[in-house]
Amino acid sequence: MADGDPIFSAVSSNAHHLYTLLQCIGFAPQATVQITPDGLRVSVEEGRVVQGLAFLDKALFTSYTFNHSTETNNGNGGSGDNDDSSETAYYPHFVISLSALLETLKIFGINDSSGSNKAAAPNPAASNAFTTPALLLDRSCTLQYFQHGSPLSITLTESGVKTICELTTYEPDGGEVDIPLQRDAIIMKIIMRSAWLHNAITELAATDPTILKVSASATKAPYFALSASGGPFSESVVEFSIDQQQQNNQSGAQQPQAYHKVLADDGTSRSRARRAKLAPTVTETFLVSPPSSMGSRIVQDYRFPLIRKAAQAMAVANKVSIRGDRQGVLSLQFMIELDENGSKNRSSREITSTSGGNMTFVDFRFVPLLDENNEGEVEPTDEEEEFDEL
């Protein structure tokens, strides 16, 4: 371990928070970690067709210290001797074994039972000396990174027992680039409870499909549908429909999504403008605006096994923002709120601010299929991720 003050040091009073978030992107053995003044950016990717990103906000830690310095940017994150290089704030980044990190965080028996509710508080009926809620509250985790090339030091303390683990860090190979989402060309944005999406994907998975088709329209039914095909069984479809009875019981002012026919002066029915505001009942936001080349409906195919890699995030998140751009890139951005006990907060209340210390985001990006057999060609980018408020 290096002498002197570390570049980065953070203390979490609840290691279960970190474990829950990192487990959401645990589909790959290695992860790229970037240390920033606002938190830790942990990303994984597979075949450059799926990417998962978890942001561990500094508000999740009881203390967070980042002694970043101005370094000469020579393209590899370190100091260079080229006088022509510009000086920028250097944010350290390195590759670590994500599977080893997850194993380290659960050394003291973080409950990791199978099932969709992996991040929930331990079942009292199954509690033992290592999984009781009291022990979860009495666990602290200290992360330290001393200098470029040094290991990531993890110190776990619980009830007077201290364990120190050092994970070897590796230089990124230069191929870690983000799957781009064109924020100025978003043609679909749907916000809903994550549980609805998780239930739909679980139902579709029963047919062992290979392709997931996403279909959305602002003017024609089905307004939002997910269909699975390509497996040994027949095609299956989940449609998120509109509750017509609920709409008939509420006025247009109270329910702006309701459908009303309006008679013009000549007695003809004018309903198109109101119909365009219809949205599936389960959605909080439903914005679909396909380009003229697509007609009135957005239809895009994705590899179903890749979508399943986000199942853990679907299970523990409160809300999900489903976005698609003109290229067909699909973004599933999950908002996860954690309570003080370290478990996922299952409150369904509206959240409009990211100032809460126990709320963070996990984002997945998926490259579309252009045809039945080949993934779409999407140019990667190294843009820094920005998370939206749900």
Protein backbone atom coordinates (compact mmCIF):
# COMPACT_ATOMS: atom_id res chain seq x y z
CA MET A 1 0.00 0.00 0.00
CA ALA A 2 1.32 3.41 -0.96
CA ASP A 3 2.28 6.04 1.58
CA GLY A 4 0.61 9.45 1.78
CA ASP A 5 -2.94 10.53 1.20
CA PRO A 6 -4.94 8.48 -1.30
CA ILE A 7 -6.34 9.96 -4.50
CA PHE A 8 -9.74 8.63 -3.51
CA SER A 9 -11.27 7.56 -0.22
CA ALA A 10 -14.92 6.91 0.61
CA VAL A 11 -16.77 5.30 3.49
CA SER A 12 -20.19 3.69 3.24
CA SER A 13 -22.13 2.81 6.35
CA ASN A 14 -24.07 0.20 4.40
CA ALA A 15 -22.23 -2.12 2.02
CA HIS A 16 -25.57 -3.56 0.94
CA HIS A 17 -26.26 -0.35 -1.02
CA LEU A 18 -23.13 -0.84 -3.10
CA TYR A 19 -23.75 -4.54 -3.57
CA THR A 20 -27.33 -3.98 -4.75
CA LEU A 21 -26.33 -1.46 -7.41
CA LEU A 22 -23.28 -3.32 -8.68
CA GLN A 23 -25.18 -6.59 -8.86
CA CYS A 24 -27.54 -4.94 -11.35
CA ILE A 25 -24.70 -4.81 -13.88
CA GLY A 26 -23.05 -8.05 -12.79
CA PHE A 27 -23.50 -9.78 -16.15
CA ALA A 28 -19.82 -9.29 -17.10
CA PRO A 29 -16.72 -10.44 -15.18
CA GLN A 30 -14.86 -7.13 -15.48
CA ALA A 31 -15.88 -3.50 -15.04
CA THR A 32 -14.34 -0.14 -15.83
CA VAL A 33 -14.35 2.25 -12.87
CA GLN A 34 -13.96 6.00 -13.19
CA ILE A 35 -13.55 8.18 -10.09
CA THR A 36 -15.20 11.59 -10.38
CA PRO A 37 -15.92 14.38 -7.87
CA ASP A 38 -19.59 13.36 -7.91
CA GLY A 39 -19.25 9.62 -7.47
CA LEU A 40 -18.03 6.37 -9.00
CA ARG A 41 -18.96 5.49 -12.55
CA VAL A 42 -18.90 1.70 -13.00
CA SER A 43 -19.56 0.34 -16.50
CA VAL A 44 -19.57 -3.08 -18.14
CA GLU A 45 -20.12 -4.15 -21.71
CA GLU A 46 -20.37 -7.29 -23.77
CA GLY A 47 -19.56 -7.54 -27.44
CA ARG A 48 -20.18 -3.80 -27.86
CA VAL A 49 -23.88 -4.58 -28.26
CA VAL A 50 -24.97 -4.19 -24.62
CA GLN A 51 -23.65 -1.88 -21.93
CA GLY A 52 -24.55 -1.47 -18.28
CA LEU A 53 -23.65 1.56 -16.21
CA ALA A 54 -24.11 2.07 -12.46
CA PHE A 55 -23.42 5.43 -10.90
CA LEU A 56 -22.55 5.31 -7.20
CA ASP A 57 -23.38 8.85 -6.19
CA LYS A 58 -21.20 10.35 -3.47
CA ALA A 59 -24.40 10.92 -1.47
CA LEU A 60 -24.49 7.14 -0.92
CA PHE A 61 -21.32 7.45 1.17
CA THR A 62 -21.02 8.94 4.65
CA SER A 63 -17.73 10.50 3.52
CA TYR A 64 -16.32 10.96 0.03
CA THR A 65 -12.89 12.47 -0.69
CA PHE A 66 -11.42 12.85 -4.17
CA ASN A 67 -8.07 14.61 -4.36
CA HIS A 68 -8.06 15.05 -8.11
CA SER A 69 -5.36 17.15 -9.67
CA THR A 70 -4.84 18.92 -12.96
CA GLU A 71 -2.96 16.56 -15.23
CA THR A 72 -1.73 16.89 -18.76
CA ASN A 73 -4.15 15.04 -20.98
CA ASN A 74 -2.28 12.79 -23.37
CA GLY A 75 -5.20 10.55 -24.18
CA ASN A 76 -4.46 7.75 -21.72
CA GLY A 77 -5.52 9.38 -18.48
CA GLY A 78 -2.00 10.03 -17.22
CA SER A 79 0.66 12.70 -17.38
CA GLY A 80 2.56 13.26 -20.57
CA ASP A 81 5.66 15.06 -21.67
CA ASN A 82 4.14 16.73 -24.70
CA ASP A 83 4.13 20.47 -24.12
CA ASP A 84 1.32 20.85 -26.64
CA SER A 85 -1.08 18.75 -24.58
CA SER A 86 -3.87 20.60 -22.88
CA GLU A 87 -4.28 20.54 -19.11
CA THR A 88 -7.52 19.04 -17.90
CA ALA A 89 -8.89 17.63 -14.68
CA TYR A 90 -7.74 14.02 -14.57
CA TYR A 91 -10.36 11.54 -13.44
CA PRO A 92 -8.68 8.17 -12.75
CA HIS A 93 -10.16 5.15 -14.47
CA PHE A 94 -9.16 1.51 -14.35
CA VAL A 95 -10.46 -2.01 -14.88
CA ILE A 96 -11.18 -4.39 -12.01
CA SER A 97 -12.77 -7.79 -11.58
CA LEU A 98 -16.44 -7.06 -10.94
CA SER A 99 -17.14 -10.62 -9.82
CA ALA A 100 -14.34 -10.36 -7.22
CA LEU A 101 -15.71 -7.02 -6.02
CA LEU A 102 -19.18 -8.48 -5.54
CA GLU A 103 -17.77 -11.45 -3.65
CA THR A 104 -15.80 -9.08 -1.44
CA LEU A 105 -18.85 -6.97 -0.57
CA LYS A 106 -20.78 -10.01 0.63
CA ILE A 107 -17.98 -11.47 2.78
CA PHE A 108 -20.05 -10.81 5.88
CA GLY A 109 -23.10 -12.60 4.52
CA ILE A 110 -25.11 -10.11 2.49
CA ASN A 111 -28.27 -11.95 1.59
CA ASP A 112 -28.10 -13.07 -2.04
CA SER A 113 -30.97 -15.47 -2.27
CA SER A 114 -32.25 -16.40 -5.68
CA GLY A 115 -35.29 -14.78 -7.16
CA SER A 116 -36.31 -11.37 -8.42
CA ASN A 117 -36.28 -9.82 -4.96
CA LYS A 118 -32.52 -10.22 -4.42
CA ALA A 119 -32.04 -6.71 -3.14
CA ALA A 120 -34.82 -6.78 -0.59
CA ALA A 121 -34.17 -6.96 3.13
CA PRO A 122 -33.43 -10.46 4.41
CA ASN A 123 -36.39 -12.66 5.22
CA PRO A 124 -36.72 -12.72 9.03
CA ALA A 125 -37.71 -16.36 8.87
CA ALA A 126 -34.40 -17.20 7.19
CA SER A 127 -32.21 -14.91 9.27
CA ASN A 128 -29.10 -16.16 10.97
CA ALA A 129 -26.05 -14.68 12.65
CA PHE A 130 -24.77 -13.35 9.32
CA THR A 131 -27.96 -12.16 7.61
CA THR A 132 -29.96 -10.39 10.28
CA PRO A 133 -30.99 -6.79 9.57
CA ALA A 134 -29.12 -5.67 12.70
CA LEU A 135 -25.81 -6.85 11.25
CA LEU A 136 -26.55 -5.17 7.93
CA LEU A 137 -26.85 -1.89 9.78
CA ASP A 138 -23.58 -2.41 11.64
CA ARG A 139 -21.43 -2.89 8.55
CA SER A 140 -19.14 -0.24 7.05
CA CYS A 141 -17.17 -0.33 3.85
CA THR A 142 -14.13 1.85 3.08
CA LEU A 143 -12.83 2.22 -0.48
CA GLN A 144 -9.40 3.68 -1.19
CA TYR A 145 -7.30 4.24 -4.31
CA PHE A 146 -3.87 5.66 -3.54
CA GLN A 147 -2.22 6.34 -6.87
CA HIS A 148 -2.20 5.45 -10.53
CA GLY A 149 -1.68 1.68 -10.85
CA SER A 150 -2.28 0.88 -7.20
CA PRO A 151 -4.92 -1.69 -6.19
CA LEU A 152 -8.41 -0.72 -5.08
CA SER A 153 -8.42 -1.26 -1.32
CA ILE A 154 -11.68 -2.39 0.31
CA THR A 155 -11.98 -2.52 4.09
CA LEU A 156 -15.09 -4.12 5.56
CA THR A 157 -15.85 -3.73 9.24
CA GLU A 158 -18.64 -5.47 11.09
CA SER A 159 -19.11 -5.87 14.85
CA GLY A 160 -15.41 -5.39 15.50
CA VAL A 161 -14.31 -7.76 12.74
CA LYS A 162 -12.24 -6.12 9.98
CA THR A 163 -11.42 -7.56 6.57
CA ILE A 164 -9.10 -5.85 4.09
CA CYS A 165 -9.14 -6.83 0.42
CA GLU A 166 -7.03 -5.36 -2.36
CA LEU A 167 -8.28 -5.79 -5.90
CA THR A 168 -5.75 -5.53 -8.69
CA THR A 169 -6.47 -2.70 -11.13
CA TYR A 170 -5.69 -2.91 -14.84
CA GLU A 171 -5.14 -0.34 -17.54
CA PRO A 172 -8.12 0.01 -19.89
CA ASP A 173 -7.25 -1.35 -23.32
CA GLY A 174 -8.65 1.72 -25.04
CA GLY A 175 -11.64 -0.14 -26.43
CA GLU A 176 -14.07 0.90 -23.71
CA VAL A 177 -16.47 3.25 -25.47
CA ASP A 178 -20.08 4.01 -24.73
CA ILE A 179 -22.95 2.88 -26.91
CA PRO A 180 -24.29 6.25 -28.08
CA LEU A 181 -27.78 7.53 -27.40
CA GLN A 182 -28.56 10.55 -29.55
CA ARG A 183 -30.21 12.84 -27.03
CA ASP A 184 -31.18 15.32 -29.73
CA ALA A 185 -32.89 12.56 -31.75
CA ILE A 186 -35.04 10.78 -29.15
CA ILE A 187 -38.18 9.45 -30.83
CA MET A 188 -39.58 7.43 -27.91
CA LYS A 189 -39.66 8.10 -24.17
CA ILE A 190 -41.83 6.02 -21.87
CA ILE A 191 -41.68 6.21 -18.07
CA MET A 192 -43.43 3.57 -16.00
CA ARG A 193 -43.05 1.48 -12.89
CA SER A 194 -40.17 -0.91 -13.39
CA ALA A 195 -42.22 -3.80 -12.02
CA TRP A 196 -44.51 -3.65 -15.06
CA LEU A 197 -41.59 -4.06 -17.44
CA HIS A 198 -40.05 -6.80 -15.30
CA ASN A 199 -43.31 -8.76 -15.28
CA ALA A 200 -43.66 -8.44 -19.06
CA ILE A 201 -40.12 -9.63 -19.78
CA THR A 202 -40.55 -12.52 -17.35
CA GLU A 203 -43.75 -13.61 -19.10
CA LEU A 204 -42.15 -13.41 -22.52
CA ALA A 205 -39.09 -15.35 -21.37
CA ALA A 206 -41.25 -18.44 -20.80
CA THR A 207 -41.22 -19.13 -24.57
CA ASP A 208 -37.40 -19.04 -24.70
CA PRO A 209 -37.30 -16.42 -27.47
CA THR A 210 -34.28 -14.97 -29.27
CA ILE A 211 -35.76 -11.66 -30.45
CA LEU A 212 -37.68 -8.94 -28.63
CA LYS A 213 -39.74 -6.57 -30.76
CA VAL A 214 -40.62 -3.18 -29.28
CA SER A 215 -43.61 -1.47 -30.85
CA ALA A 216 -45.00 1.96 -29.92
CA SER A 217 -47.49 4.34 -31.49
CA ALA A 218 -49.14 7.53 -30.27
CA THR A 219 -52.18 7.18 -32.52
CA LYS A 220 -52.94 3.51 -33.14
CA ALA A 221 -53.47 0.48 -30.94
CA PRO A 222 -51.53 -1.31 -29.66
CA TYR A 223 -49.93 1.83 -28.29
CA PHE A 224 -47.10 0.00 -26.56
CA ALA A 225 -46.36 -3.68 -27.04
CA LEU A 226 -43.51 -6.13 -26.49
CA SER A 227 -43.41 -9.32 -28.52
CA ALA A 228 -41.01 -12.26 -28.35
CA SER A 229 -40.19 -14.61 -31.20
CA GLY A 230 -37.51 -16.88 -32.63
CA GLY A 231 -37.67 -19.54 -29.94
CA PRO A 232 -38.87 -23.14 -30.10
CA PHE A 233 -42.38 -22.06 -29.15
CA SER A 234 -44.91 -19.75 -30.73
CA GLU A 235 -44.62 -15.96 -30.64
CA SER A 236 -45.95 -14.21 -27.54
CA VAL A 237 -47.04 -10.60 -27.08
CA VAL A 238 -47.60 -8.34 -24.08
CA GLU A 239 -49.66 -5.24 -24.79
CA PHE A 240 -49.89 -2.29 -22.40
CA SER A 241 -53.45 -1.21 -23.05
CA ILE A 242 -55.61 1.78 -22.26
CA ASP A 243 -58.24 1.51 -19.56
CA GLN A 244 -61.28 2.83 -21.39
CA GLN A 245 -63.56 2.50 -18.37
CA GLN A 246 -61.25 4.61 -16.25
CA GLN A 247 -61.13 7.26 -18.95
CA ASN A 248 -64.92 7.42 -19.19
CA ASN A 249 -65.16 8.02 -15.44
CA GLN A 250 -62.86 11.04 -15.45
CA SER A 251 -63.09 14.41 -17.13
CA GLY A 252 -60.67 15.60 -19.76
CA ALA A 253 -59.18 18.17 -17.36
CA GLN A 254 -58.42 15.55 -14.74
CA GLN A 255 -57.28 12.93 -17.23
CA PRO A 256 -55.54 14.62 -20.15
CA GLN A 257 -54.98 11.23 -21.72
CA ALA A 258 -58.74 10.61 -22.04
CA TYR A 259 -60.35 10.27 -25.47
CA HIS A 260 -63.24 12.59 -26.35
CA LYS A 261 -65.03 13.22 -29.63
CA VAL A 262 -65.56 16.89 -30.36
CA LEU A 263 -68.20 18.03 -32.83
CA ALA A 264 -67.18 20.78 -35.22
CA ASP A 265 -69.52 23.49 -36.44
CA ASP A 266 -70.46 21.34 -39.45
CA GLY A 267 -71.37 18.42 -37.20
CA THR A 268 -68.41 16.25 -38.12
CA SER A 269 -66.40 14.47 -35.47
CA ARG A 270 -62.97 15.80 -34.63
CA SER A 271 -61.12 13.30 -32.50
CA ARG A 272 -57.64 13.02 -33.95
CA ALA A 273 -56.05 15.67 -31.72
CA ARG A 274 -57.44 14.11 -28.56
CA ARG A 275 -56.63 10.60 -29.74
CA ALA A 276 -52.99 11.52 -30.13
CA LYS A 277 -52.83 12.05 -26.38
CA LEU A 278 -53.88 8.52 -25.51
CA ALA A 279 -51.33 6.52 -23.53
CA PRO A 280 -51.21 3.11 -21.85
CA THR A 281 -52.66 3.25 -18.35
CA VAL A 282 -49.46 1.96 -16.71
CA THR A 283 -47.29 4.76 -18.09
CA GLU A 284 -46.50 8.08 -16.41
CA THR A 285 -44.93 9.56 -19.53
CA PHE A 286 -45.67 8.39 -23.07
CA LEU A 287 -43.98 10.35 -25.84
CA VAL A 288 -43.74 8.71 -29.26
CA SER A 289 -42.77 10.83 -32.26
CA PRO A 290 -41.41 8.68 -35.08
CA PRO A 291 -39.88 10.37 -38.14
CA SER A 292 -41.98 10.47 -41.28
CA SER A 293 -39.94 7.62 -42.78
CA MET A 294 -41.27 5.26 -40.07
CA GLY A 295 -44.91 6.19 -40.44
CA SER A 296 -47.00 6.35 -37.27
CA ARG A 297 -45.36 3.45 -35.44
CA ILE A 298 -41.90 2.76 -34.03
CA VAL A 299 -40.85 -0.88 -34.42
CA GLN A 300 -37.41 -2.18 -33.50
CA ASP A 301 -35.89 -5.59 -32.77
CA TYR A 302 -33.33 -6.49 -30.11
CA ARG A 303 -31.65 -9.66 -28.91
CA PHE A 304 -33.84 -11.03 -26.13
CA PRO A 305 -30.95 -12.61 -24.16
CA LEU A 306 -29.32 -9.18 -24.03
CA ILE A 307 -32.47 -7.56 -22.65
CA ARG A 308 -32.57 -10.24 -19.97
CA LYS A 309 -29.23 -8.99 -18.66
CA ALA A 310 -31.13 -6.02 -17.21
CA ALA A 311 -33.58 -8.26 -15.33
CA GLN A 312 -31.94 -7.68 -11.94
CA ALA A 313 -32.17 -3.91 -12.37
CA MET A 314 -35.82 -4.27 -13.42
CA ALA A 315 -36.54 -6.24 -10.26
CA VAL A 316 -35.10 -3.73 -7.78
CA ALA A 317 -35.86 -0.39 -9.48
CA ASN A 318 -38.77 1.90 -8.69
CA LYS A 319 -39.16 3.36 -12.17
CA VAL A 320 -37.75 2.87 -15.63
CA SER A 321 -37.33 5.30 -18.49
CA ILE A 322 -37.49 3.53 -21.87
CA ARG A 323 -35.91 5.65 -24.58
CA GLY A 324 -35.06 5.07 -28.22
CA ASP A 325 -33.33 7.24 -30.79
CA ARG A 326 -33.36 7.38 -34.59
CA GLN A 327 -30.51 4.87 -34.77
CA GLY A 328 -32.61 2.34 -32.88
CA VAL A 329 -30.43 2.35 -29.76
CA LEU A 330 -32.55 1.38 -26.76
CA SER A 331 -31.86 2.89 -23.33
CA LEU A 332 -33.37 1.44 -20.18
CA GLN A 333 -32.62 3.85 -17.34
CA PHE A 334 -33.60 2.57 -13.92
CA MET A 335 -34.18 4.73 -10.87
CA ILE A 336 -33.39 2.82 -7.69
CA GLU A 337 -34.21 4.23 -4.27
CA LEU A 338 -32.63 2.52 -1.29
CA ASP A 339 -33.89 2.86 2.25
CA GLU A 340 -31.72 3.38 5.33
CA ASN A 341 -31.70 -0.33 6.06
CA GLY A 342 -29.91 -1.05 2.81
CA SER A 343 -32.87 -2.59 1.01
CA LYS A 344 -34.68 -1.31 -2.00
CA ASN A 345 -37.44 1.13 -1.08
CA ARG A 346 -40.61 -0.16 -2.66
CA SER A 347 -42.57 3.03 -2.17
CA SER A 348 -44.48 4.01 -5.32
CA ARG A 349 -44.62 7.68 -4.51
CA GLU A 350 -43.63 10.24 -7.14
CA ILE A 351 -39.99 11.27 -7.03
CA THR A 352 -39.01 14.45 -8.82
CA SER A 353 -35.60 15.28 -7.36
CA THR A 354 -32.28 13.46 -7.29
CA SER A 355 -31.16 15.20 -4.15
CA GLY A 356 -32.00 12.23 -1.97
CA GLY A 357 -28.91 10.49 -0.71
CA ASN A 358 -30.35 7.00 -1.23
CA MET A 359 -31.39 7.33 -4.86
CA THR A 360 -29.27 6.56 -7.88
CA PHE A 361 -29.50 5.32 -11.45
CA VAL A 362 -28.51 2.27 -13.45
CA ASP A 363 -28.52 2.58 -17.23
CA PHE A 364 -28.50 -0.09 -19.94
CA ARG A 365 -27.89 0.49 -23.65
CA PHE A 366 -28.74 -1.99 -26.39
CA VAL A 367 -27.76 -2.00 -30.05
CA PRO A 368 -30.69 -2.90 -32.36
CA LEU A 369 -30.93 -5.71 -34.87
CA LEU A 370 -30.98 -4.59 -38.48
CA ASP A 371 -32.15 -7.96 -39.73
CA GLU A 372 -32.85 -11.43 -38.45
CA ASN A 373 -29.25 -12.45 -37.95
CA ASN A 374 -27.01 -9.38 -37.52
CA GLU A 375 -26.70 -6.66 -34.95
CA GLY A 376 -27.00 -3.10 -36.15
CA GLU A 377 -23.94 -1.01 -36.80
CA VAL A 378 -23.86 1.87 -34.36
CA GLU A 379 -20.83 4.08 -34.02
CA PRO A 380 -19.50 4.10 -30.42
CA THR A 381 -18.78 7.27 -28.53
CA ASP A 382 -16.78 8.29 -25.50
CA GLU A 383 -19.25 10.91 -24.31
CA GLU A 384 -19.71 11.14 -20.55
CA GLU A 385 -23.04 9.77 -19.37
CA GLU A 386 -25.68 12.12 -18.03
CA PHE A 387 -28.64 10.79 -16.09
CA ASP A 388 -32.10 12.25 -16.42
CA GLU A 389 -34.55 12.76 -13.60
CA LEU A 390 -37.51 10.41 -13.88
